[in-house]
Amino acid sequence: MSNLMAWIGKKIGLFGSSSKFWASWGGKDGNWAGETVTAEKAMMIAAMFRGIYLTASTVATCPFNVYQYGNGTTGNKIVRDQNNPYDAVLRLSPNQDQTPVEFWEGIIACMLLVGDGFAHKERLGNRLTSMTLMDPTKTVTYRDGGRVFHRYTDSDGNVHVYPASEVFQLKGFGFGGDRGMSIIQYGAQSLSATMAADKVAGKMFRSGLSSSGFLETAQVLNEPDRDRLEKILGDYQGSDNAGKLMILEGGMKYNQITMSAADAQLLLSRRFNIEEIGRWLGMPTILLGHAADGQTMWGTGVEAIVQSWYTLSLRALLVRIEKAVQKRIIEPADIGRFYVKFSVEGLLRGDSAARAAYYSVMAQNAIMTREEIRELEDLMPYLLGGADKLTCQVNLTTLDKIGQAAAAGQQDQQVRNMFRDWLGVSDVSTDQLRQIEARIKMLQEARSEPIRLKLEEAA
């Protein structure tokens, strides 16, 4: 806590020269690999960058709508109502500088990497007009009298204190505190080991994949001779000098003292580090561009893995964002009137076959109309009409009418057989049967009319 309070009011950047803050808050002390972990260095790891980018961009490009409950007890939901005070900010333009995709990518990336994403809410009266991203590393969250406040230092060094009602906080996973848990802090050991392995690999390539060693000679070298020898050796170091042959003079011998890359299993360590980062991000390594042993091309197995990522990781993130918006953006007076929801069907946009199958099921089971499907596909309305009606298969019925349908079917078959024998034909169509039944009904009504009149006269 003392380390944190010492940084209150100071400028701390997410990227740049604030390594001292990250070393004390998140990153170096106690790291077994000895590498300082900062947000900037973490994003230099290809697997980390890919994982955060893929998650943030996938969620940011998923359709996100504000719904308003209809008046009365009908339960109707109206999408993007013109009087909706939240739709324009959340879905169309969060501020004057960013598109919705850029805004949501930024705040989600901050949450994934640092633990929290922040945005200052700006209002015109009681109406939300815009949201501006805040650097989470420049934001200190504290409580005063039981109320939550956010102390923010902007890029100009000005300090602002905002109550929680003026800040949209997208909080990551945590144990119920005021801030989410940061991968930079809790994943420092794994990230430090990854950076150390990359550093070793880079140095080996820099030296032309040659291992370190020492030169052995029976003579004692003076300082000028040592300086001359080091200069000669420098001409043979580096990847640009790989393959050169060096002549050893005066009976010198070269002795290797370090293990080779194969002996140190450097490549296996780097593969494991990718899998470790995938665990921190909750993402299958195939999405990070890393194929596990025995896994080659895309197929049904990989498709199932991606589906599990949608189900177990993305779904939880989508719900987290929906609930955060519901609690920290929707005004208390509007709770129960407005709600927000991601349309996960947008994830099918790149899969035409899956999208067609989904629409087919929804239309055949009277869940969506053809007009609604055409609207989702950005197609013009069907001008001849009829596409706005719910349709279903005629062979479907409710469970309580199964016996009635069977009895009616047997009765129709019996009548059909009777008229077929009477007419002396092989079969009677349904239309013919209906015409005959209508004719018999007319005859019955004509016969019953004189009988009814006679009964009335007798009475």
Protein backbone atom coordinates (compact mmCIF):
# COMPACT_ATOMS: atom_id res chain seq x y z
CA MET A 1 0.00 0.00 0.00
CA SER A 2 2.91 2.33 0.76
CA ASN A 3 4.32 1.81 -2.74
CA LEU A 4 0.96 2.69 -4.26
CA MET A 5 0.41 5.81 -2.15
CA ALA A 6 3.87 7.07 -3.08
CA TRP A 7 2.80 7.24 -6.71
CA ILE A 8 -0.49 9.10 -6.17
CA GLY A 9 -0.59 12.19 -8.37
CA LYS A 10 2.48 11.25 -10.39
CA LYS A 11 2.46 10.68 -14.14
CA ILE A 12 2.67 6.97 -14.86
CA GLY A 13 2.40 5.85 -18.46
CA LEU A 14 1.10 2.55 -19.71
CA PHE A 15 3.98 2.58 -22.20
CA GLY A 16 7.22 4.50 -22.02
CA SER A 17 9.68 5.21 -19.22
CA SER A 18 7.60 4.25 -16.19
CA SER A 19 9.45 0.99 -15.61
CA LYS A 20 10.20 1.95 -12.00
CA PHE A 21 6.51 2.02 -11.16
CA TRP A 22 5.84 -1.29 -12.87
CA ALA A 23 8.91 -2.87 -11.28
CA SER A 24 7.64 -2.01 -7.80
CA TRP A 25 3.92 -2.52 -8.49
CA GLY A 26 3.95 -5.44 -10.84
CA GLY A 27 7.03 -6.58 -12.23
CA LYS A 28 10.66 -7.22 -11.28
CA ASP A 29 11.21 -7.83 -7.59
CA GLY A 30 11.25 -11.57 -7.00
CA ASN A 31 11.12 -12.58 -10.67
CA TRP A 32 13.13 -15.75 -11.03
CA ALA A 33 14.22 -14.90 -14.58
CA GLY A 34 15.29 -11.41 -13.54
CA GLU A 35 13.48 -9.56 -16.36
CA THR A 36 11.47 -6.42 -15.62
CA VAL A 37 7.82 -6.90 -16.64
CA THR A 38 6.04 -3.82 -17.95
CA ALA A 39 2.97 -3.39 -20.11
CA GLU A 40 5.15 -2.22 -22.98
CA LYS A 41 7.46 -5.24 -22.78
CA ALA A 42 4.55 -7.64 -22.34
CA MET A 43 2.98 -6.38 -25.57
CA MET A 44 6.30 -7.02 -27.33
CA ILE A 45 5.73 -10.74 -26.81
CA ALA A 46 4.02 -11.96 -29.95
CA ALA A 47 1.69 -14.40 -28.18
CA MET A 48 0.57 -11.76 -25.67
CA PHE A 49 -0.03 -9.16 -28.37
CA ARG A 50 -1.95 -11.64 -30.51
CA GLY A 51 -4.12 -12.84 -27.64
CA ILE A 52 -5.10 -9.39 -26.40
CA TYR A 53 -5.63 -8.07 -29.91
CA LEU A 54 -7.78 -11.02 -30.98
CA THR A 55 -9.98 -10.93 -27.88
CA ALA A 56 -10.43 -7.16 -27.87
CA SER A 57 -11.08 -6.85 -31.61
CA THR A 58 -13.49 -9.80 -31.67
CA VAL A 59 -15.62 -8.36 -28.88
CA ALA A 60 -15.36 -4.78 -30.19
CA THR A 61 -16.69 -5.80 -33.61
CA CYS A 62 -19.55 -7.90 -32.24
CA PRO A 63 -22.93 -6.13 -32.73
CA PHE A 64 -23.91 -4.30 -29.55
CA ASN A 65 -27.39 -2.84 -29.14
CA VAL A 66 -29.39 -0.95 -26.54
CA TYR A 67 -32.91 -2.27 -26.05
CA GLN A 68 -35.89 -0.52 -24.54
CA TYR A 69 -38.83 -2.35 -23.03
CA GLY A 70 -42.19 -1.46 -24.57
CA ASN A 71 -44.93 0.29 -22.64
CA GLY A 72 -47.59 -1.73 -20.88
CA THR A 73 -47.40 -5.43 -20.10
CA THR A 74 -46.78 -6.71 -23.63
CA GLY A 75 -43.08 -7.21 -22.99
CA ASN A 76 -42.16 -5.87 -26.44
CA LYS A 77 -38.57 -4.78 -26.92
CA ILE A 78 -37.68 -1.82 -29.13
CA VAL A 79 -34.20 -1.71 -30.63
CA ARG A 80 -32.42 1.61 -31.20
CA ASP A 81 -35.39 3.78 -30.29
CA GLN A 82 -34.95 7.40 -31.41
CA ASN A 83 -35.49 8.62 -27.85
CA ASN A 84 -32.83 6.26 -26.49
CA PRO A 85 -30.23 8.39 -24.64
CA TYR A 86 -27.54 5.67 -24.65
CA ASP A 87 -27.59 4.18 -28.12
CA ALA A 88 -25.70 7.02 -29.83
CA VAL A 89 -22.79 6.91 -27.36
CA LEU A 90 -22.47 3.14 -26.94
CA ARG A 91 -23.08 2.08 -30.52
CA LEU A 92 -22.47 5.01 -32.88
CA SER A 93 -19.90 7.50 -31.53
CA PRO A 94 -18.47 7.28 -27.98
CA ASN A 95 -16.51 10.54 -28.37
CA GLN A 96 -15.34 13.00 -31.01
CA ASP A 97 -12.08 11.16 -31.69
CA GLN A 98 -12.84 7.44 -31.68
CA THR A 99 -15.10 5.01 -33.45
CA PRO A 100 -16.99 2.49 -31.30
CA VAL A 101 -14.57 -0.27 -32.38
CA GLU A 102 -11.53 1.79 -31.33
CA PHE A 103 -13.13 2.72 -28.01
CA TRP A 104 -14.11 -0.82 -27.06
CA GLU A 105 -10.81 -2.27 -28.26
CA GLY A 106 -8.95 0.17 -26.03
CA ILE A 107 -10.97 -0.32 -22.87
CA ILE A 108 -11.05 -4.12 -23.25
CA ALA A 109 -7.29 -4.28 -23.90
CA CYS A 110 -6.66 -2.24 -20.73
CA MET A 111 -8.86 -4.58 -18.73
CA LEU A 112 -7.14 -7.70 -20.08
CA LEU A 113 -3.60 -6.40 -19.54
CA VAL A 114 -3.84 -4.08 -16.52
CA GLY A 115 -7.00 -5.39 -14.85
CA ASP A 116 -9.31 -2.41 -15.40
CA GLY A 117 -10.51 -0.15 -18.18
CA PHE A 118 -11.72 3.37 -17.37
CA ALA A 119 -13.66 6.03 -19.28
CA HIS A 120 -14.82 9.41 -18.03
CA LYS A 121 -18.51 10.02 -18.65
CA GLU A 122 -19.46 13.45 -19.91
CA ARG A 123 -23.05 14.67 -19.63
CA LEU A 124 -25.24 17.46 -20.89
CA GLY A 125 -27.68 17.84 -18.03
CA ASN A 126 -28.74 14.28 -17.21
CA ARG A 127 -28.04 12.97 -20.71
CA LEU A 128 -24.88 10.98 -21.48
CA THR A 129 -23.07 12.65 -24.40
CA SER A 130 -19.64 10.98 -24.62
CA MET A 131 -17.07 8.78 -22.88
CA THR A 132 -13.32 9.44 -22.96
CA LEU A 133 -10.79 6.70 -22.22
CA MET A 134 -8.60 7.06 -19.14
CA ASP A 135 -5.16 5.51 -18.74
CA PRO A 136 -5.63 2.88 -16.00
CA THR A 137 -1.99 3.28 -14.88
CA LYS A 138 -2.69 6.94 -14.12
CA THR A 139 -5.85 6.13 -12.19
CA VAL A 140 -5.85 5.42 -8.46
CA THR A 141 -9.06 4.04 -6.97
CA TYR A 142 -9.74 4.63 -3.30
CA ARG A 143 -12.59 4.91 -0.81
CA ASP A 144 -13.54 7.87 1.33
CA GLY A 145 -16.40 7.48 3.75
CA GLY A 146 -17.45 4.26 2.05
CA ARG A 147 -17.74 5.96 -1.38
CA VAL A 148 -15.51 5.04 -4.32
CA PHE A 149 -13.44 7.75 -6.03
CA HIS A 150 -10.99 7.67 -8.93
CA ARG A 151 -7.97 9.99 -8.83
CA TYR A 152 -6.80 10.51 -12.42
CA THR A 153 -3.74 12.36 -13.72
CA ASP A 154 -4.17 13.40 -17.35
CA SER A 155 -1.43 13.74 -19.98
CA ASP A 156 -0.85 17.37 -19.00
CA GLY A 157 -0.24 16.52 -15.35
CA ASN A 158 -3.58 17.84 -14.13
CA VAL A 159 -5.16 15.82 -11.32
CA HIS A 160 -8.89 15.09 -11.39
CA VAL A 161 -10.93 13.37 -8.70
CA TYR A 162 -14.07 11.72 -10.04
CA PRO A 163 -16.76 9.96 -8.02
CA ALA A 164 -17.67 6.49 -9.25
CA SER A 165 -20.86 7.83 -10.84
CA GLU A 166 -18.78 9.85 -13.34
CA VAL A 167 -16.55 6.99 -14.47
CA PHE A 168 -17.32 3.87 -16.43
CA GLN A 169 -15.12 1.14 -14.98
CA LEU A 170 -14.78 -2.16 -16.83
CA LYS A 171 -13.41 -4.29 -14.03
CA GLY A 172 -11.57 -7.52 -14.73
CA PHE A 173 -11.52 -10.71 -12.72
CA GLY A 174 -10.80 -10.21 -9.04
CA PHE A 175 -11.65 -11.16 -5.48
CA GLY A 176 -14.25 -8.46 -4.94
CA GLY A 177 -11.98 -5.44 -4.49
CA ASP A 178 -12.24 -2.06 -6.14
CA ARG A 179 -9.78 -3.04 -8.90
CA GLY A 180 -9.40 -6.09 -11.10
CA MET A 181 -6.38 -8.36 -11.14
CA SER A 182 -3.58 -7.46 -13.55
CA ILE A 183 -1.79 -10.00 -15.74
CA ILE A 184 1.29 -7.77 -15.50
CA GLN A 185 1.32 -8.27 -11.74
CA TYR A 186 0.13 -11.83 -11.26
CA GLY A 187 1.68 -13.23 -14.44
CA ALA A 188 5.06 -11.58 -13.89
CA GLN A 189 6.89 -14.88 -13.41
CA SER A 190 5.61 -16.42 -16.64
CA LEU A 191 6.12 -13.25 -18.67
CA SER A 192 9.60 -12.74 -17.22
CA ALA A 193 10.60 -16.30 -18.20
CA THR A 194 9.24 -15.73 -21.70
CA MET A 195 11.21 -12.51 -22.12
CA ALA A 196 14.35 -14.20 -20.79
CA ALA A 197 14.00 -17.05 -23.29
CA ASP A 198 13.49 -14.60 -26.15
CA LYS A 199 16.51 -12.63 -24.98
CA VAL A 200 18.71 -15.74 -24.94
CA ALA A 201 17.51 -16.73 -28.41
CA GLY A 202 18.22 -13.25 -29.72
CA LYS A 203 21.73 -13.25 -28.31
CA MET A 204 22.43 -16.63 -29.88
CA PHE A 205 21.36 -15.34 -33.29
CA ARG A 206 23.40 -12.21 -32.73
CA SER A 207 26.47 -14.35 -32.16
CA GLY A 208 25.79 -16.36 -35.31
CA LEU A 209 24.43 -19.32 -33.31
CA SER A 210 27.92 -19.86 -31.87
CA SER A 211 28.26 -20.82 -28.23
CA SER A 212 30.44 -19.04 -25.71
CA GLY A 213 33.77 -20.44 -24.71
CA PHE A 214 37.37 -19.52 -23.88
CA LEU A 215 40.71 -19.52 -25.63
CA GLU A 216 43.47 -21.56 -24.00
CA THR A 217 47.16 -20.69 -24.48
CA ALA A 218 50.35 -21.57 -22.70
CA GLN A 219 51.61 -17.99 -22.88
CA VAL A 220 50.80 -15.08 -20.58
CA LEU A 221 49.24 -12.21 -22.56
CA ASN A 222 49.97 -8.63 -21.69
CA GLU A 223 47.37 -5.87 -21.98
CA PRO A 224 48.17 -4.82 -25.57
CA ASP A 225 47.97 -8.45 -26.68
CA ARG A 226 44.63 -8.89 -24.91
CA ASP A 227 43.18 -5.76 -26.54
CA ARG A 228 44.42 -6.91 -29.95
CA LEU A 229 42.91 -10.38 -29.48
CA GLU A 230 39.53 -9.01 -28.40
CA LYS A 231 39.46 -6.79 -31.47
CA ILE A 232 40.20 -9.77 -33.71
CA LEU A 233 37.47 -11.85 -32.07
CA GLY A 234 35.00 -9.01 -32.56
CA ASP A 235 35.38 -9.38 -36.32
CA TYR A 236 33.99 -12.92 -36.10
CA GLN A 237 31.01 -12.29 -33.82
CA GLY A 238 27.43 -11.62 -34.89
CA SER A 239 25.06 -13.19 -37.40
CA ASP A 240 26.65 -11.21 -40.26
CA ASN A 241 29.93 -13.01 -39.62
CA ALA A 242 28.47 -16.50 -39.28
CA GLY A 243 30.46 -19.09 -41.23
CA LYS A 244 33.79 -17.27 -41.12
CA LEU A 245 36.86 -19.28 -40.17
CA MET A 246 39.22 -17.86 -37.56
CA ILE A 247 42.88 -18.78 -37.35
CA LEU A 248 44.21 -19.41 -33.84
CA GLU A 249 47.85 -18.48 -33.43
CA GLY A 250 50.50 -19.40 -30.92
CA GLY A 251 49.04 -22.79 -30.02
CA MET A 252 45.71 -21.39 -28.85
CA LYS A 253 42.79 -23.81 -28.33
CA TYR A 254 39.05 -23.06 -28.25
CA ASN A 255 37.01 -24.64 -25.45
CA GLN A 256 33.20 -24.49 -25.40
CA ILE A 257 31.66 -23.96 -21.98
CA THR A 258 27.95 -23.47 -22.63
CA MET A 259 25.27 -25.88 -23.73
CA SER A 260 23.86 -25.83 -27.23
CA ALA A 261 20.34 -24.70 -27.98
CA ALA A 262 19.24 -28.33 -28.34
CA ASP A 263 20.81 -29.30 -25.00
CA ALA A 264 19.21 -26.37 -23.22
CA GLN A 265 15.85 -27.17 -24.91
CA LEU A 266 15.44 -23.50 -25.72
CA LEU A 267 12.91 -24.12 -28.47
CA LEU A 268 10.79 -26.32 -26.22
CA SER A 269 10.89 -23.66 -23.53
CA ARG A 270 9.67 -21.03 -25.96
CA ARG A 271 6.83 -23.31 -27.10
CA PHE A 272 5.82 -23.87 -23.48
CA ASN A 273 5.86 -20.12 -22.83
CA ILE A 274 3.29 -19.63 -25.59
CA GLU A 275 1.04 -22.21 -23.97
CA GLU A 276 1.53 -20.47 -20.62
CA ILE A 277 0.43 -17.13 -22.06
CA GLY A 278 -2.60 -18.86 -23.57
CA ARG A 279 -3.54 -20.04 -20.08
CA TRP A 280 -3.30 -16.52 -18.67
CA LEU A 281 -5.50 -15.16 -21.45
CA GLY A 282 -7.93 -18.09 -21.42
CA MET A 283 -7.32 -18.71 -25.12
CA PRO A 284 -6.52 -21.89 -27.10
CA THR A 285 -2.97 -21.74 -28.40
CA ILE A 286 -4.12 -22.51 -31.94
CA LEU A 287 -5.58 -18.99 -31.99
CA LEU A 288 -2.18 -17.61 -31.04
CA GLY A 289 -0.65 -19.17 -34.14
CA HIS A 290 0.81 -22.05 -32.14
CA ALA A 291 0.05 -25.63 -33.20
CA ALA A 292 0.48 -28.26 -30.51
CA ASP A 293 2.27 -31.54 -31.17
CA GLY A 294 0.33 -33.62 -33.67
CA GLN A 295 -1.87 -30.70 -34.71
CA THR A 296 -1.37 -29.59 -38.29
CA MET A 297 -4.15 -27.99 -40.31
CA TRP A 298 -7.56 -26.57 -39.47
CA GLY A 299 -10.38 -29.09 -39.21
CA THR A 300 -13.33 -30.20 -37.14
CA GLY A 301 -11.15 -30.65 -34.08
CA VAL A 302 -9.86 -27.09 -34.25
CA GLU A 303 -13.39 -25.86 -34.95
CA ALA A 304 -14.51 -27.49 -31.69
CA ILE A 305 -11.63 -25.78 -29.87
CA VAL A 306 -12.64 -22.38 -31.25
CA GLN A 307 -16.25 -23.05 -30.25
CA SER A 308 -15.09 -23.83 -26.72
CA TRP A 309 -13.29 -20.47 -26.67
CA TYR A 310 -16.56 -18.77 -27.65
CA THR A 311 -18.45 -20.66 -24.96
CA LEU A 312 -16.05 -20.62 -22.02
CA SER A 313 -14.13 -17.37 -22.50
CA LEU A 314 -15.82 -14.90 -24.86
CA ARG A 315 -19.31 -15.50 -23.47
CA ALA A 316 -18.13 -14.62 -19.97
CA LEU A 317 -16.42 -11.46 -21.26
CA LEU A 318 -19.54 -10.38 -23.18
CA VAL A 319 -21.71 -10.84 -20.09
CA ARG A 320 -19.15 -8.96 -17.97
CA ILE A 321 -19.33 -5.97 -20.32
CA GLU A 322 -23.14 -6.09 -20.48
CA LYS A 323 -23.43 -6.08 -16.69
CA ALA A 324 -20.83 -3.30 -16.32
CA VAL A 325 -22.73 -1.11 -18.79
CA GLN A 326 -26.00 -1.96 -17.07
CA LYS A 327 -24.65 -0.90 -13.67
CA ARG A 328 -22.27 1.97 -14.45
CA ILE A 329 -23.74 3.64 -17.55
CA ILE A 330 -27.51 3.13 -17.42
CA GLU A 331 -28.88 5.69 -14.99
CA PRO A 332 -30.61 4.32 -11.87
CA ALA A 333 -33.91 5.85 -13.03
CA ASP A 334 -33.64 3.93 -16.32
CA ILE A 335 -32.77 0.51 -14.88
CA GLY A 336 -35.57 -1.83 -15.83
CA ARG A 337 -36.41 0.31 -18.83
CA PHE A 338 -33.24 -0.08 -20.89
CA TYR A 339 -30.82 -2.94 -21.20
CA VAL A 340 -27.86 -3.80 -23.44
CA LYS A 341 -26.94 -7.02 -25.17
CA PHE A 342 -24.38 -8.31 -27.65
CA SER A 343 -25.69 -10.10 -30.71
CA VAL A 344 -23.43 -13.14 -30.75
CA GLU A 345 -24.87 -14.07 -34.14
CA GLY A 346 -22.47 -11.45 -35.49
CA LEU A 347 -19.69 -13.98 -34.91
CA LEU A 348 -21.21 -15.99 -37.76
CA ARG A 349 -20.66 -13.19 -40.24
CA GLY A 350 -17.63 -14.90 -41.74
CA ASP A 351 -19.32 -18.31 -41.98
CA SER A 352 -21.99 -18.24 -44.69
CA ALA A 353 -23.00 -21.88 -44.24
CA ALA A 354 -23.52 -21.56 -40.48
CA ARG A 355 -25.39 -18.28 -40.93
CA ALA A 356 -27.72 -19.83 -43.54
CA ALA A 357 -28.42 -22.82 -41.29
CA TYR A 358 -29.19 -20.53 -38.36
CA TYR A 359 -31.62 -18.41 -40.40
CA SER A 360 -33.32 -21.52 -41.76
CA VAL A 361 -34.01 -22.90 -38.30
CA MET A 362 -35.23 -19.55 -36.97
CA ALA A 363 -37.61 -19.02 -39.91
CA GLN A 364 -39.02 -22.56 -39.99
CA ASN A 365 -39.80 -22.50 -36.28
CA ALA A 366 -41.65 -19.15 -36.31
CA ILE A 367 -38.95 -17.35 -34.29
CA MET A 368 -37.91 -14.85 -36.96
CA THR A 369 -39.65 -13.54 -40.07
CA ARG A 370 -38.08 -13.42 -43.51
CA GLU A 371 -38.14 -9.63 -43.27
CA GLU A 372 -36.09 -9.67 -40.07
CA ILE A 373 -33.57 -11.98 -41.73
CA ARG A 374 -33.32 -9.70 -44.75
CA GLU A 375 -32.73 -6.74 -42.44
CA LEU A 376 -29.85 -8.55 -40.71
CA GLU A 377 -28.33 -9.27 -44.11
CA ASP A 378 -28.71 -5.60 -45.17
CA LEU A 379 -31.14 -6.55 -47.95
CA MET A 380 -33.99 -4.44 -49.26
CA PRO A 381 -37.50 -5.21 -47.91
CA TYR A 382 -39.56 -7.66 -49.93
CA LEU A 383 -41.90 -5.28 -51.76
CA LEU A 384 -44.59 -7.86 -52.65
CA GLY A 385 -45.40 -8.38 -48.97
CA GLY A 386 -45.83 -11.47 -46.86
CA ALA A 387 -42.20 -11.61 -45.68
CA ASP A 388 -43.12 -10.06 -42.31
CA LYS A 389 -45.27 -13.05 -41.29
CA LEU A 390 -44.09 -15.78 -38.96
CA THR A 391 -44.12 -19.18 -40.63
CA CYS A 392 -43.76 -22.73 -39.39
CA GLN A 393 -43.96 -26.24 -40.79
CA VAL A 394 -47.54 -27.50 -41.14
CA ASN A 395 -46.66 -31.01 -39.94
CA LEU A 396 -45.94 -29.69 -36.45
CA THR A 397 -48.52 -29.63 -33.67
CA THR A 398 -48.67 -29.46 -29.88
CA LEU A 399 -48.41 -32.57 -27.76
CA ASP A 400 -51.99 -32.35 -26.47
CA LYS A 401 -53.34 -32.50 -30.05
CA ILE A 402 -51.39 -35.49 -31.28
CA GLY A 403 -54.29 -37.92 -30.61
CA GLN A 404 -56.82 -35.55 -32.17
CA ALA A 405 -54.74 -35.20 -35.29
CA ALA A 406 -54.41 -38.96 -35.58
CA ALA A 407 -58.19 -39.50 -35.13
CA ALA A 408 -58.98 -36.79 -37.67
CA GLY A 409 -56.57 -38.40 -40.09
CA GLN A 410 -58.21 -41.80 -39.69
CA GLN A 411 -61.70 -40.29 -40.19
CA ASP A 412 -60.58 -38.48 -43.36
CA GLN A 413 -59.12 -41.73 -44.67
CA GLN A 414 -62.37 -43.60 -43.99
CA VAL A 415 -64.44 -40.96 -45.82
CA ARG A 416 -61.98 -40.98 -48.69
CA ASN A 417 -62.22 -44.75 -49.00
CA MET A 418 -66.03 -44.60 -48.97
CA PHE A 419 -66.23 -42.04 -51.78
CA ARG A 420 -63.56 -43.86 -53.74
CA ASP A 421 -65.63 -47.06 -53.70
CA TRP A 422 -68.82 -45.12 -54.52
CA LEU A 423 -67.27 -43.28 -57.48
CA GLY A 424 -65.41 -46.33 -58.68
CA VAL A 425 -62.04 -44.53 -58.87
CA SER A 426 -58.63 -45.50 -57.60
CA ASP A 427 -58.24 -42.50 -55.32
CA VAL A 428 -59.85 -39.21 -54.35
CA SER A 429 -57.72 -36.10 -53.97
CA THR A 430 -58.00 -33.84 -50.96
CA ASP A 431 -59.56 -31.07 -53.05
CA GLN A 432 -62.16 -33.48 -54.46
CA LEU A 433 -62.91 -34.75 -50.99
CA ARG A 434 -63.46 -31.22 -49.70
CA GLN A 435 -65.78 -30.40 -52.62
CA ILE A 436 -67.85 -33.55 -51.98
CA GLU A 437 -68.05 -32.81 -48.25
CA ALA A 438 -69.20 -29.24 -48.97
CA ARG A 439 -71.86 -30.53 -51.39
CA ILE A 440 -73.19 -33.04 -48.85
CA LYS A 441 -73.35 -30.32 -46.23
CA MET A 442 -75.41 -28.12 -48.56
CA LEU A 443 -77.80 -31.01 -49.28
CA GLN A 444 -78.21 -31.73 -45.58
CA GLU A 445 -79.02 -28.09 -44.86
CA ALA A 446 -81.56 -28.04 -47.73
CA ARG A 447 -83.29 -31.17 -46.44
CA SER A 448 -83.39 -29.94 -42.85
CA GLU A 449 -85.01 -26.60 -43.78
CA PRO A 450 -88.52 -27.99 -44.74
CA ILE A 451 -88.51 -30.27 -41.70
CA ARG A 452 -87.78 -27.31 -39.42
CA LEU A 453 -90.66 -25.29 -40.96
CA LYS A 454 -93.14 -28.13 -40.47
CA LEU A 455 -92.14 -28.50 -36.88
CA GLU A 456 -92.66 -24.81 -36.32
CA GLU A 457 -96.14 -24.93 -37.88
CA ALA A 458 -97.12 -27.90 -35.72
CA ALA A 459 -96.01 -26.12 -32.64
